Amino acid sequence: MTTGPAPVRQLDATGVGELHQAAEKILAKFGTSATSPELLARVAEVADDLSEPTRHELRPVDTDDGLFVLRGWEVDDSEIGPTPSSWATAGDSGAVHDIVMLLLATVMGNPLAWEGQQDGRFVHNIVPAPGHETEQTGASSSVLLSPHTEDAFHPGRAHLLMLGCMRNRDNIATTAASIRNVRLDEAAIALLTRPRLPILPDDAYAEAQGFAGGEPARVPTLFHTEDGLTLRFDPAYTPLHDASPAHRAAYERLEAELARVSTAVSLNPGEVLVVDNDLVVHGRVPFRARYDGTDRWLKRASVRVPARRTRPLAEADEHGYGQAAIEAHAA
């Protein structure tokens, strides 16, 4: 793994002031960060009125590195209160930061939620939770969270993933690696662009794991676009034992290459990591959770970018294991 710095975009004082004032006004009007159609509509109106320099800094990822860290926003450690013990108990903890995440997501595209995850909220709280230490989900802690595409099992997954840091006293790193930085031979690419294996739902979607509405779709791991390769990757939920030896070897080669080019990003409070979910796999290093209110705490938002053409057309026929994705401003 490399440890080179991630590209940075710096919000100036004017941009930070715009976001802070807008978020406070929205929160005062609605009294909660729990999203409703009315709140989302107001967020969209405010996002459209942000100044052009601020909107420029909040444009989607536009490099082959597939990520950047947005700096300038600040988090008051005493004001946000203790790290929640789980997403289910978080409620409106750090509510103004939820609104900021929604504003950022709305400038970049359409915020995305899931009916079956975190009560359908558009901004998730990512915290370690007792009893989930060894899972391959955001609630884990003591194991490596394997590099993966966010919600890889679903055709309606996000184009962009945003991770906003509320607290990270132990400097726990998020890992990230772009498919555009790996080295693969043509034979491996040819194998991995064939739809040979399914990707199963992860542990955050308990209902999807019992889905009986059809056979799992076999999907390609890699996909050619006009701009280069994209990927759909989640080794923890891909049944590689069903692959041919050649296909499995190609997949493992890709996994090794992603590890080779991976970078570690340790976020500070107020920083937001934005990754292109079509180019970049992300994960997290292991850590020991204390469950004392001081553990790592991130806010997560997912974004779909309208009219983006980075995925095979065949994905439209997938059942998505019965999980419904909700776009905030979809027509």
Protein backbone atom coordinates (compact mmCIF):
# COMPACT_ATOMS: atom_id res chain seq x y z
CA MET A 1 0.00 0.00 0.00
CA THR A 2 1.20 3.50 -0.83
CA THR A 3 0.70 6.43 1.51
CA GLY A 4 0.93 9.35 -0.90
CA PRO A 5 -1.41 12.26 -0.26
CA ALA A 6 -4.82 12.25 -1.90
CA PRO A 7 -5.68 15.18 -4.21
CA VAL A 8 -7.15 18.06 -2.20
CA ARG A 9 -9.77 20.68 -2.97
CA GLN A 10 -9.83 23.57 -0.52
CA LEU A 11 -13.04 25.44 0.23
CA ASP A 12 -12.27 29.08 0.97
CA ALA A 13 -13.85 31.03 3.81
CA THR A 14 -16.60 32.30 1.54
CA GLY A 15 -17.61 28.79 0.49
CA VAL A 16 -17.52 27.50 4.06
CA GLY A 17 -19.62 30.46 5.18
CA GLU A 18 -22.18 29.81 2.45
CA LEU A 19 -22.54 26.17 3.44
CA HIS A 20 -22.71 26.90 7.16
CA GLN A 21 -25.36 29.60 6.81
CA ALA A 22 -27.44 27.50 4.41
CA ALA A 23 -27.27 24.37 6.58
CA GLU A 24 -28.21 26.24 9.75
CA LYS A 25 -31.22 27.86 8.06
CA ILE A 26 -32.46 24.54 6.68
CA LEU A 27 -32.06 22.84 10.04
CA ALA A 28 -33.87 25.68 11.83
CA LYS A 29 -36.77 25.44 9.40
CA PHE A 30 -37.19 21.66 9.51
CA GLY A 31 -35.87 20.93 12.99
CA THR A 32 -34.30 17.65 11.92
CA SER A 33 -31.90 16.14 9.42
CA ALA A 34 -34.25 13.22 8.73
CA THR A 35 -34.97 13.69 5.06
CA SER A 36 -38.44 14.47 3.77
CA PRO A 37 -39.51 15.53 0.27
CA GLU A 38 -39.86 19.10 1.53
CA LEU A 39 -36.40 19.17 3.10
CA LEU A 40 -34.83 17.65 0.00
CA ALA A 41 -36.57 20.22 -2.20
CA ARG A 42 -35.23 23.04 -0.03
CA VAL A 43 -31.72 21.56 -0.15
CA ALA A 44 -31.93 21.48 -3.96
CA GLU A 45 -33.02 25.14 -4.10
CA VAL A 46 -30.20 26.23 -1.81
CA ALA A 47 -27.61 24.14 -3.67
CA ASP A 48 -28.58 25.87 -6.92
CA ASP A 49 -28.01 29.27 -5.29
CA LEU A 50 -24.47 28.57 -4.07
CA SER A 51 -21.84 30.75 -5.72
CA GLU A 52 -20.09 29.53 -8.84
CA PRO A 53 -16.64 29.29 -7.18
CA THR A 54 -18.10 27.06 -4.46
CA ARG A 55 -20.00 24.92 -6.95
CA HIS A 56 -16.80 24.51 -8.98
CA GLU A 57 -14.96 23.07 -5.98
CA LEU A 58 -17.92 20.72 -5.46
CA ARG A 59 -17.90 19.28 -8.99
CA PRO A 60 -17.77 15.46 -9.25
CA VAL A 61 -14.48 13.60 -9.33
CA ASP A 62 -12.82 14.27 -12.69
CA THR A 63 -9.42 12.53 -12.66
CA ASP A 64 -8.22 8.96 -13.13
CA ASP A 65 -7.17 8.91 -9.46
CA GLY A 66 -10.89 8.83 -8.85
CA LEU A 67 -10.91 10.68 -5.53
CA PHE A 68 -10.25 13.91 -3.68
CA VAL A 69 -10.39 15.26 -0.14
CA LEU A 70 -12.50 18.36 0.39
CA ARG A 71 -11.10 20.62 3.12
CA GLY A 72 -12.30 23.78 4.82
CA TRP A 73 -15.36 22.64 6.74
CA GLU A 74 -14.89 22.42 10.52
CA VAL A 75 -16.36 20.16 13.20
CA ASP A 76 -16.53 21.20 16.87
CA ASP A 77 -15.71 18.06 18.84
CA SER A 78 -17.52 19.17 21.97
CA GLU A 79 -20.58 20.38 20.08
CA ILE A 80 -21.31 17.12 18.23
CA GLY A 81 -21.48 15.05 21.41
CA PRO A 82 -20.24 11.48 21.87
CA THR A 83 -19.85 9.04 19.01
CA PRO A 84 -23.14 7.10 18.76
CA SER A 85 -23.06 3.47 19.83
CA SER A 86 -24.60 2.44 16.48
CA TRP A 87 -26.34 4.00 13.51
CA ALA A 88 -29.69 3.01 15.04
CA THR A 89 -29.09 5.20 18.11
CA ALA A 90 -27.54 8.13 16.23
CA GLY A 91 -30.81 9.91 15.45
CA ASP A 92 -30.05 13.57 14.68
CA SER A 93 -26.54 13.52 16.15
CA GLY A 94 -24.48 16.04 14.19
CA ALA A 95 -27.60 17.11 12.30
CA VAL A 96 -26.13 20.26 10.75
CA HIS A 97 -23.36 18.13 9.24
CA ASP A 98 -26.00 15.85 7.69
CA ILE A 99 -27.43 18.91 5.95
CA VAL A 100 -23.98 19.95 4.72
CA MET A 101 -23.43 16.45 3.31
CA LEU A 102 -26.79 16.69 1.55
CA LEU A 103 -25.84 20.05 0.05
CA LEU A 104 -22.51 18.67 -1.21
CA ALA A 105 -24.21 15.61 -2.66
CA THR A 106 -26.88 17.71 -4.36
CA VAL A 107 -24.34 19.93 -6.08
CA MET A 108 -22.52 16.83 -7.38
CA GLY A 109 -25.66 14.95 -8.49
CA ASN A 110 -28.66 13.27 -6.88
CA PRO A 111 -28.41 12.04 -3.27
CA LEU A 112 -29.20 8.34 -3.01
CA ALA A 113 -30.82 6.35 -0.20
CA TRP A 114 -31.92 2.74 0.29
CA GLU A 115 -35.25 1.65 1.69
CA GLY A 116 -33.56 -1.26 3.46
CA GLN A 117 -30.58 0.56 5.00
CA GLN A 118 -30.42 2.93 7.99
CA ASP A 119 -34.16 3.64 7.89
CA GLY A 120 -34.00 5.09 4.39
CA ARG A 121 -31.88 8.08 5.40
CA PHE A 122 -29.83 9.88 2.76
CA VAL A 123 -26.92 10.44 5.16
CA HIS A 124 -25.63 7.45 7.14
CA ASN A 125 -23.71 7.37 10.40
CA ILE A 126 -20.70 5.05 10.16
CA VAL A 127 -19.56 4.02 13.63
CA PRO A 128 -18.21 0.81 15.18
CA ALA A 129 -20.98 -1.21 16.84
CA PRO A 130 -20.66 -3.90 19.52
CA GLY A 131 -21.24 -7.37 18.14
CA HIS A 132 -20.34 -6.37 14.57
CA GLU A 133 -16.56 -6.19 14.97
CA THR A 134 -15.72 -8.86 12.37
CA GLU A 135 -18.34 -8.16 9.70
CA GLN A 136 -17.59 -6.78 6.27
CA THR A 137 -19.69 -3.65 6.87
CA GLY A 138 -19.12 -0.12 8.07
CA ALA A 139 -20.04 -1.19 11.63
CA SER A 140 -16.97 -3.45 11.90
CA SER A 141 -13.68 -2.56 13.53
CA SER A 142 -11.27 -5.39 14.37
CA VAL A 143 -10.90 -6.72 10.80
CA LEU A 144 -9.71 -5.22 7.55
CA LEU A 145 -12.71 -3.91 5.64
CA SER A 146 -11.85 -5.39 2.25
CA PRO A 147 -11.55 -2.93 -0.63
CA HIS A 148 -14.86 -2.93 -2.50
CA THR A 149 -17.25 -1.02 -4.71
CA GLU A 150 -20.01 0.49 -2.57
CA ASP A 151 -23.23 -1.55 -2.91
CA ALA A 152 -21.60 -3.58 -5.69
CA PHE A 153 -24.47 -6.09 -5.67
CA HIS A 154 -26.97 -3.53 -7.00
CA PRO A 155 -27.39 -1.98 -10.48
CA GLY A 156 -28.61 1.25 -8.87
CA ARG A 157 -25.47 1.80 -6.80
CA ALA A 158 -23.97 5.24 -6.43
CA HIS A 159 -21.59 6.85 -8.89
CA LEU A 160 -19.94 8.84 -6.09
CA LEU A 161 -19.39 8.04 -2.43
CA MET A 162 -18.77 10.75 0.17
CA LEU A 163 -17.26 10.12 3.62
CA GLY A 164 -17.33 13.10 5.95
CA CYS A 165 -15.23 12.89 9.10
CA MET A 166 -16.80 13.86 12.41
CA ARG A 167 -14.20 12.28 14.71
CA ASN A 168 -11.03 10.27 14.11
CA ARG A 169 -8.79 10.57 17.16
CA ASP A 170 -6.89 7.38 16.31
CA ASN A 171 -6.09 8.44 12.71
CA ILE A 172 -7.80 5.35 11.30
CA ALA A 173 -7.26 5.22 7.55
CA THR A 174 -9.69 4.66 4.74
CA THR A 175 -8.02 2.79 1.88
CA ALA A 176 -8.66 3.60 -1.77
CA ALA A 177 -7.37 2.29 -5.11
CA SER A 178 -8.26 3.24 -8.69
CA ILE A 179 -8.65 0.71 -11.49
CA ARG A 180 -6.94 3.25 -13.78
CA ASN A 181 -3.67 2.82 -11.85
CA VAL A 182 -3.37 -0.97 -12.01
CA ARG A 183 -1.37 -3.05 -14.47
CA LEU A 184 -3.23 -6.02 -15.98
CA ASP A 185 -2.46 -7.96 -19.12
CA GLU A 186 -4.99 -8.21 -21.92
CA ALA A 187 -5.81 -11.83 -21.13
CA ALA A 188 -6.80 -10.99 -17.55
CA ILE A 189 -8.87 -8.01 -18.71
CA ALA A 190 -10.62 -10.17 -21.30
CA LEU A 191 -11.59 -12.71 -18.63
CA LEU A 192 -12.78 -10.11 -16.12
CA THR A 193 -14.98 -8.27 -18.63
CA ARG A 194 -17.06 -11.43 -19.06
CA PRO A 195 -20.15 -11.82 -16.83
CA ARG A 196 -19.15 -15.00 -15.01
CA LEU A 197 -19.86 -14.44 -11.30
CA PRO A 198 -22.58 -12.78 -9.20
CA ILE A 199 -21.98 -10.28 -6.41
CA LEU A 200 -24.13 -11.08 -3.40
CA PRO A 201 -25.67 -8.53 -0.99
CA ASP A 202 -23.52 -7.60 1.99
CA ASP A 203 -24.43 -7.98 5.65
CA ALA A 204 -25.99 -4.51 5.81
CA TYR A 205 -28.88 -5.83 3.69
CA ALA A 206 -30.23 -8.75 5.71
CA GLU A 207 -33.50 -8.94 3.75
CA ALA A 208 -31.66 -9.05 0.42
CA GLN A 209 -29.64 -12.06 1.53
CA GLY A 210 -32.86 -14.09 1.74
CA PHE A 211 -34.17 -12.86 -1.63
CA ALA A 212 -35.96 -15.60 -3.57
CA GLY A 213 -37.09 -13.61 -6.59
CA GLY A 214 -34.65 -15.03 -9.13
CA GLU A 215 -31.16 -16.32 -9.75
CA PRO A 216 -28.29 -13.95 -8.89
CA ALA A 217 -27.17 -12.04 -11.97
CA ARG A 218 -23.71 -12.87 -13.28
CA VAL A 219 -21.88 -9.58 -13.78
CA PRO A 220 -18.53 -8.49 -15.25
CA THR A 221 -15.87 -7.28 -12.85
CA LEU A 222 -14.42 -4.84 -15.39
CA PHE A 223 -16.14 -2.76 -18.05
CA HIS A 224 -14.74 -0.77 -20.98
CA THR A 225 -15.91 2.84 -21.39
CA GLU A 226 -14.81 5.64 -23.70
CA ASP A 227 -12.62 7.00 -20.91
CA GLY A 228 -11.12 3.69 -19.79
CA LEU A 229 -11.87 0.79 -17.50
CA THR A 230 -14.41 0.87 -14.68
CA LEU A 231 -14.99 -1.87 -12.13
CA ARG A 232 -17.61 -3.55 -9.95
CA PHE A 233 -15.74 -5.34 -7.21
CA ASP A 234 -16.51 -6.92 -3.85
CA PRO A 235 -14.39 -10.00 -3.15
CA ALA A 236 -15.97 -10.63 0.27
CA TYR A 237 -19.34 -11.25 -1.42
CA THR A 238 -18.21 -12.83 -4.70
CA PRO A 239 -18.31 -16.67 -4.83
CA LEU A 240 -14.89 -17.14 -6.42
CA HIS A 241 -15.05 -20.88 -5.72
CA ASP A 242 -17.51 -21.09 -8.63
CA ALA A 243 -15.04 -19.56 -11.10
CA SER A 244 -12.73 -21.39 -13.44
CA PRO A 245 -9.08 -21.54 -12.37
CA ALA A 246 -8.15 -19.01 -15.06
CA HIS A 247 -10.89 -16.59 -14.06
CA ARG A 248 -10.05 -16.92 -10.39
CA ALA A 249 -6.37 -16.25 -11.12
CA ALA A 250 -7.27 -13.11 -13.08
CA TYR A 251 -9.51 -11.90 -10.24
CA GLU A 252 -6.79 -12.50 -7.67
CA ARG A 253 -4.32 -10.66 -9.89
CA LEU A 254 -6.67 -7.68 -9.96
CA GLU A 255 -7.04 -7.87 -6.18
CA ALA A 256 -3.25 -7.85 -5.77
CA GLU A 257 -2.85 -4.91 -8.15
CA LEU A 258 -5.47 -2.88 -6.32
CA ALA A 259 -3.59 -3.55 -3.09
CA ARG A 260 -0.34 -2.45 -4.74
CA VAL A 261 -1.71 0.93 -5.85
CA SER A 262 -3.85 1.53 -2.75
CA THR A 263 -3.46 4.73 -0.82
CA ALA A 264 -4.33 5.33 2.84
CA VAL A 265 -6.38 8.42 3.66
CA SER A 266 -6.67 9.35 7.33
CA LEU A 267 -9.37 12.00 7.54
CA ASN A 268 -9.42 14.85 10.03
CA PRO A 269 -12.69 16.23 11.40
CA GLY A 270 -14.42 18.34 8.77
CA GLU A 271 -12.67 16.70 5.82
CA VAL A 272 -14.77 14.89 3.23
CA LEU A 273 -13.36 12.10 1.08
CA VAL A 274 -15.12 11.86 -2.29
CA VAL A 275 -14.51 8.73 -4.38
CA ASP A 276 -15.69 7.72 -7.83
CA ASN A 277 -17.50 4.45 -7.17
CA ASP A 278 -16.96 3.30 -10.75
CA LEU A 279 -13.18 3.71 -10.60
CA VAL A 280 -12.18 3.34 -6.96
CA VAL A 281 -12.55 0.57 -4.40
CA HIS A 282 -12.40 1.65 -0.78
CA GLY A 283 -11.92 -0.11 2.53
CA ARG A 284 -10.66 0.54 6.05
CA VAL A 285 -7.76 -0.64 8.18
CA PRO A 286 -8.54 -2.61 11.38
CA PHE A 287 -8.76 -0.82 14.72
CA ARG A 288 -9.76 -1.50 18.31
CA ALA A 289 -13.05 0.16 19.19
CA ARG A 290 -13.43 1.56 22.71
CA TYR A 291 -17.21 2.14 22.73
CA ASP A 292 -16.70 5.08 25.07
CA GLY A 293 -18.05 7.89 22.88
CA THR A 294 -14.66 8.78 21.35
CA ASP A 295 -14.49 6.24 18.48
CA ARG A 296 -14.19 7.08 14.81
CA TRP A 297 -17.37 8.60 13.37
CA LEU A 298 -18.05 9.26 9.71
CA LYS A 299 -21.05 10.59 7.81
CA ARG A 300 -21.69 8.76 4.51
CA ALA A 301 -23.63 10.02 1.51
CA SER A 302 -24.12 8.37 -1.88
CA VAL A 303 -24.65 10.22 -5.16
CA ARG A 304 -25.88 9.28 -8.59
CA VAL A 305 -24.74 11.50 -11.46
CA PRO A 306 -27.51 11.96 -14.06
CA ALA A 307 -26.89 10.65 -17.57
CA ARG A 308 -23.53 9.13 -16.65
CA ARG A 309 -22.57 6.26 -18.99
CA THR A 310 -20.12 4.10 -17.07
CA ARG A 311 -21.96 0.79 -16.76
CA PRO A 312 -23.11 -2.06 -19.00
CA LEU A 313 -26.62 -1.69 -20.38
CA ALA A 314 -27.38 -5.25 -19.22
CA GLU A 315 -27.42 -4.02 -15.61
CA ALA A 316 -30.89 -2.59 -16.25
CA ASP A 317 -32.26 -6.16 -16.27
CA GLU A 318 -30.92 -7.09 -12.81
CA HIS A 319 -33.37 -7.58 -9.94
CA GLY A 320 -31.09 -6.01 -7.32
CA TYR A 321 -32.17 -8.65 -4.79
CA GLY A 322 -35.38 -6.72 -4.20
CA GLN A 323 -33.61 -3.67 -2.77
CA ALA A 324 -35.02 -0.27 -3.75
CA ALA A 325 -32.71 2.68 -4.31
CA ILE A 326 -34.27 6.12 -3.88
CA GLU A 327 -32.93 9.16 -5.73
CA ALA A 328 -33.69 12.47 -4.05
CA HIS A 329 -34.32 14.50 -7.20
CA ALA A 330 -34.90 11.86 -9.89
CA ALA A 331 -37.40 12.87 -12.54
